[in-house]
N, C-alpha and C. Protein backbone atom coordinates (compact mmCIF):
# COMPACT_ATOMS: atom_id res chain seq x y z
N MET A 1 49.09 23.69 46.83
CA MET A 1 48.89 24.47 47.88
C MET A 1 47.72 25.41 47.66
N PRO A 2 46.90 25.51 48.52
CA PRO A 2 45.73 26.42 48.36
C PRO A 2 46.35 27.98 48.45
N GLU A 3 45.50 28.56 47.45
CA GLU A 3 45.88 30.06 47.31
C GLU A 3 45.98 30.78 48.53
N ASP A 4 45.09 30.66 49.63
CA ASP A 4 44.98 31.57 50.90
C ASP A 4 46.12 31.07 51.76
N LEU A 5 46.74 30.00 51.71
CA LEU A 5 48.01 29.57 52.60
C LEU A 5 49.16 30.29 52.12
N LYS A 6 49.87 31.06 52.81
CA LYS A 6 51.17 31.67 52.51
C LYS A 6 52.37 30.67 52.86
N PRO A 7 53.27 30.19 51.95
CA PRO A 7 54.26 29.40 52.35
C PRO A 7 55.26 30.14 53.18
N VAL A 8 56.04 29.47 54.04
CA VAL A 8 57.21 30.03 54.92
C VAL A 8 58.33 29.10 54.61
N ASP A 9 59.50 29.71 54.27
CA ASP A 9 60.60 28.89 54.09
C ASP A 9 61.43 28.50 55.55
N ILE A 10 61.30 27.38 55.78
CA ILE A 10 61.88 26.84 57.05
C ILE A 10 63.23 26.34 57.01
N SER A 11 63.83 26.28 55.69
CA SER A 11 65.25 25.54 55.39
C SER A 11 66.14 26.07 56.42
N HIS A 12 66.18 27.53 56.83
CA HIS A 12 67.26 27.88 57.70
C HIS A 12 66.97 27.64 59.17
N ILE A 13 65.92 26.83 59.55
CA ILE A 13 65.54 26.58 61.01
C ILE A 13 65.61 25.05 61.27
N PRO A 14 66.64 24.69 61.53
CA PRO A 14 66.87 23.37 61.79
C PRO A 14 65.98 22.49 62.75
N GLU A 15 65.52 22.97 63.70
CA GLU A 15 64.67 22.27 64.70
C GLU A 15 63.27 22.18 64.19
N LEU A 16 62.89 23.15 63.47
CA LEU A 16 61.50 23.04 62.74
C LEU A 16 61.52 22.16 61.56
N ARG A 17 62.67 22.13 60.79
CA ARG A 17 62.81 21.34 59.72
C ARG A 17 62.98 19.75 60.12
N ARG A 18 63.29 19.60 61.27
CA ARG A 18 63.52 18.16 61.73
C ARG A 18 62.11 17.67 62.17
N LEU A 19 61.25 18.66 62.97
CA LEU A 19 60.01 18.31 63.23
C LEU A 19 59.05 18.03 61.91
N VAL A 20 59.27 18.88 60.82
CA VAL A 20 58.70 18.63 59.64
C VAL A 20 58.84 17.26 59.00
N GLU A 21 60.15 17.08 58.89
CA GLU A 21 60.55 15.59 58.54
C GLU A 21 59.96 14.49 59.24
N GLU A 22 59.99 14.72 60.74
CA GLU A 22 59.35 13.63 61.60
C GLU A 22 57.86 13.51 61.12
N VAL A 23 57.13 14.53 61.12
CA VAL A 23 55.72 14.50 60.82
C VAL A 23 55.42 13.90 59.29
N ARG A 24 56.35 14.15 58.55
CA ARG A 24 56.05 13.61 57.02
C ARG A 24 56.46 12.17 57.11
N ALA A 25 57.44 11.82 57.75
CA ALA A 25 57.87 10.26 57.75
C ALA A 25 56.90 9.37 58.68
N ALA A 26 56.41 9.92 59.67
CA ALA A 26 55.17 9.14 60.51
C ALA A 26 54.01 9.44 59.96
N ASP A 27 53.75 10.32 59.11
CA ASP A 27 52.14 10.70 58.64
C ASP A 27 51.29 10.90 59.67
N GLN A 28 51.67 11.66 60.56
CA GLN A 28 50.90 12.03 61.83
C GLN A 28 50.91 13.39 62.04
N THR A 29 49.97 14.09 62.59
CA THR A 29 49.78 15.35 63.10
C THR A 29 50.42 15.64 64.35
N ARG A 30 51.12 16.82 64.51
CA ARG A 30 51.50 17.22 65.72
C ARG A 30 51.13 18.65 66.18
N VAL A 31 50.95 18.83 67.45
CA VAL A 31 50.47 20.04 68.01
C VAL A 31 51.73 21.04 68.61
N LEU A 32 51.84 22.23 67.93
CA LEU A 32 52.91 23.05 68.44
C LEU A 32 52.40 23.98 69.55
N GLN A 33 53.17 23.86 70.55
CA GLN A 33 52.70 24.62 71.95
C GLN A 33 53.73 25.95 72.10
N VAL A 34 53.01 27.03 72.83
CA VAL A 34 53.83 28.10 73.06
C VAL A 34 53.50 28.31 74.56
N ASP A 35 54.48 28.28 75.39
CA ASP A 35 54.09 28.42 76.93
C ASP A 35 53.00 27.57 77.30
N HIS A 36 52.96 26.20 76.84
CA HIS A 36 52.24 25.09 77.28
C HIS A 36 50.77 25.23 76.91
N GLU A 37 50.74 26.22 75.70
CA GLU A 37 49.39 26.22 75.11
C GLU A 37 49.39 25.97 73.76
N ASP A 38 48.36 25.26 73.33
CA ASP A 38 48.42 24.87 71.94
C ASP A 38 48.35 26.22 70.82
N ALA A 39 49.28 26.17 69.95
CA ALA A 39 49.40 27.37 69.16
C ALA A 39 49.08 27.05 67.60
N ALA A 40 49.54 25.90 67.21
CA ALA A 40 49.22 25.53 65.86
C ALA A 40 49.40 23.96 65.56
N LEU A 41 48.84 23.57 64.36
CA LEU A 41 49.06 22.17 64.05
C LEU A 41 50.05 22.02 62.70
N LEU A 42 50.88 20.89 62.98
CA LEU A 42 51.94 20.79 62.04
C LEU A 42 51.49 19.44 61.35
N VAL A 43 50.97 19.45 60.03
CA VAL A 43 50.32 18.46 59.34
C VAL A 43 51.16 18.33 58.04
N SER A 44 51.42 17.03 57.64
CA SER A 44 52.02 16.76 56.56
C SER A 44 51.25 17.07 55.21
N ALA A 45 51.76 18.04 54.23
CA ALA A 45 51.05 18.41 53.13
C ALA A 45 50.79 17.09 52.06
N VAL A 46 51.89 16.17 52.27
CA VAL A 46 52.04 15.07 51.36
C VAL A 46 51.75 13.77 51.94
N ARG A 47 50.67 13.13 51.72
CA ARG A 47 50.23 11.83 52.22
C ARG A 47 51.36 10.80 51.96
N SER A 48 51.45 10.06 53.01
CA SER A 48 52.54 8.96 52.86
C SER A 48 51.88 7.86 51.75
N THR A 49 52.78 7.10 51.03
CA THR A 49 52.38 6.07 50.16
C THR A 49 51.93 4.74 50.98
N ARG A 50 52.42 4.81 52.20
CA ARG A 50 51.93 3.64 53.24
C ARG A 50 50.52 3.58 53.44
N ALA A 51 49.94 4.87 53.69
CA ALA A 51 48.55 5.06 53.92
C ALA A 51 47.68 4.72 52.64
N ARG A 52 48.11 4.79 51.55
CA ARG A 52 47.34 4.47 50.24
C ARG A 52 47.59 3.14 49.95
N ARG A 53 48.46 2.34 50.34
CA ARG A 53 48.85 1.01 50.00
C ARG A 53 47.96 -0.19 50.81
N LYS A 54 47.01 0.37 51.78
CA LYS A 54 46.48 -0.57 52.70
C LYS A 54 45.38 -1.27 51.81
N VAL A 55 45.39 -2.57 51.88
CA VAL A 55 44.49 -3.34 51.23
C VAL A 55 43.64 -4.04 52.18
N THR A 56 42.19 -4.14 51.75
CA THR A 56 41.18 -4.71 52.73
C THR A 56 41.24 -6.22 52.42
N ASP A 57 41.12 -6.90 53.44
CA ASP A 57 41.33 -8.46 53.27
C ASP A 57 40.05 -9.00 54.26
N ALA A 58 39.85 -10.27 54.31
CA ALA A 58 38.90 -10.85 55.07
C ALA A 58 38.88 -10.47 56.56
N ALA A 59 39.96 -10.25 57.09
CA ALA A 59 40.11 -9.66 58.57
C ALA A 59 39.64 -8.43 58.81
N ASP A 60 39.39 -7.39 57.94
CA ASP A 60 38.94 -6.21 58.05
C ASP A 60 37.48 -6.24 58.44
N SER A 61 37.10 -5.40 59.21
CA SER A 61 35.50 -5.31 59.72
C SER A 61 34.68 -4.91 58.74
N LEU A 62 35.17 -4.11 57.81
CA LEU A 62 34.36 -3.70 56.51
C LEU A 62 33.99 -4.77 55.51
N TRP A 63 34.90 -5.81 55.58
CA TRP A 63 34.55 -6.97 54.77
C TRP A 63 33.05 -7.67 54.94
N ASN A 64 32.59 -7.46 56.23
CA ASN A 64 31.34 -7.96 56.42
C ASN A 64 30.16 -7.39 55.68
N ILE A 65 30.42 -6.30 55.32
CA ILE A 65 29.23 -5.58 54.46
C ILE A 65 29.18 -5.98 52.97
N VAL A 66 30.46 -6.64 52.56
CA VAL A 66 30.43 -6.87 51.09
C VAL A 66 29.31 -7.80 50.68
N GLY A 67 28.48 -7.47 49.79
CA GLY A 67 27.44 -8.10 49.09
C GLY A 67 26.07 -8.21 49.86
N LEU A 68 25.92 -7.25 50.99
CA LEU A 68 24.78 -6.94 51.73
C LEU A 68 23.68 -6.61 50.83
N ALA A 69 24.08 -5.75 49.95
CA ALA A 69 22.99 -4.85 49.13
C ALA A 69 22.45 -5.64 47.90
N ARG A 70 23.18 -6.80 47.67
CA ARG A 70 22.68 -7.61 46.49
C ARG A 70 21.52 -8.26 46.55
N SER A 71 20.69 -8.28 45.79
CA SER A 71 19.43 -9.11 45.66
C SER A 71 19.27 -9.45 44.32
N ASP A 72 19.10 -10.85 44.10
CA ASP A 72 18.80 -11.38 42.64
C ASP A 72 17.33 -11.68 42.59
N GLY A 73 16.51 -11.39 43.35
CA GLY A 73 14.96 -11.77 43.34
C GLY A 73 14.21 -10.70 42.82
N PRO A 74 12.92 -10.76 43.10
CA PRO A 74 11.94 -9.73 42.57
C PRO A 74 12.04 -8.68 43.14
N GLY A 75 12.86 -8.50 44.40
CA GLY A 75 12.81 -7.34 45.22
C GLY A 75 14.14 -6.39 44.56
N ASP A 76 14.74 -6.90 43.78
CA ASP A 76 15.88 -6.28 42.99
C ASP A 76 15.50 -4.78 42.69
N VAL A 77 16.13 -3.71 43.32
CA VAL A 77 15.68 -2.38 42.82
C VAL A 77 16.20 -2.25 41.40
N ALA A 78 17.35 -2.72 40.91
CA ALA A 78 17.69 -2.41 39.54
C ALA A 78 16.55 -3.03 38.66
N GLU A 79 16.13 -4.05 38.89
CA GLU A 79 15.22 -4.77 38.01
C GLU A 79 13.73 -3.91 37.82
N GLN A 80 13.40 -3.38 38.99
CA GLN A 80 12.25 -2.60 39.03
C GLN A 80 12.29 -1.13 38.86
N VAL A 81 13.45 -0.70 38.50
CA VAL A 81 13.69 0.80 38.44
C VAL A 81 12.51 1.74 37.81
N ASP A 82 12.00 1.12 36.63
CA ASP A 82 10.87 1.88 36.00
C ASP A 82 9.59 1.94 36.71
N SER A 83 9.34 0.81 37.28
CA SER A 83 8.11 0.98 38.15
C SER A 83 8.21 1.67 39.46
N ASN A 84 9.46 1.58 39.97
CA ASN A 84 9.68 2.58 41.06
C ASN A 84 9.63 4.08 40.82
N ILE A 85 10.18 4.36 39.67
CA ILE A 85 10.13 5.71 39.37
C ILE A 85 8.68 6.01 39.03
N ALA A 86 7.87 5.28 38.29
CA ALA A 86 6.50 5.58 38.18
C ALA A 86 5.71 5.70 39.45
N GLU A 87 6.06 4.99 40.33
CA GLU A 87 5.30 5.12 41.68
C GLU A 87 5.64 6.27 42.40
N ALA A 88 7.06 6.62 42.27
CA ALA A 88 7.34 7.84 42.98
C ALA A 88 6.79 9.10 42.47
N TYR A 89 6.69 9.20 41.17
CA TYR A 89 6.22 10.26 40.33
C TYR A 89 4.90 9.96 39.64
N PRO A 90 3.91 10.10 40.39
CA PRO A 90 2.53 9.73 39.59
C PRO A 90 2.26 10.88 38.57
N PRO A 91 1.54 10.50 37.50
CA PRO A 91 1.23 11.43 36.30
C PRO A 91 0.57 12.46 36.90
N ARG A 92 0.85 13.82 36.38
CA ARG A 92 0.02 15.03 36.67
C ARG A 92 -1.08 15.12 36.00
N GLU A 93 -2.05 15.86 36.68
CA GLU A 93 -3.47 16.06 35.96
C GLU A 93 -3.25 17.22 35.11
N ARG A 94 -3.86 17.37 34.09
CA ARG A 94 -3.69 18.44 32.97
C ARG A 94 -4.97 19.39 33.11
């Protein structure tokens, strides 16, 4: 926990503890209100393992960009790295 955040023990406040467990289980942020005005955010401090286990497959829209930057020809940046650097940094006159 960051040093600038002061912990508050809510073990003895059953309703708040129930909300915390709900936020942690659903891995969702909740807005706490006082007299119909937003007062605070309740955010889980521990990420759910469910969120970390998402696997990308062919149905994912990000899959379309796989391989876009690959070039096996003379325009391949990795093959021309020395000439690209030489072009970007011309020799200095002494």
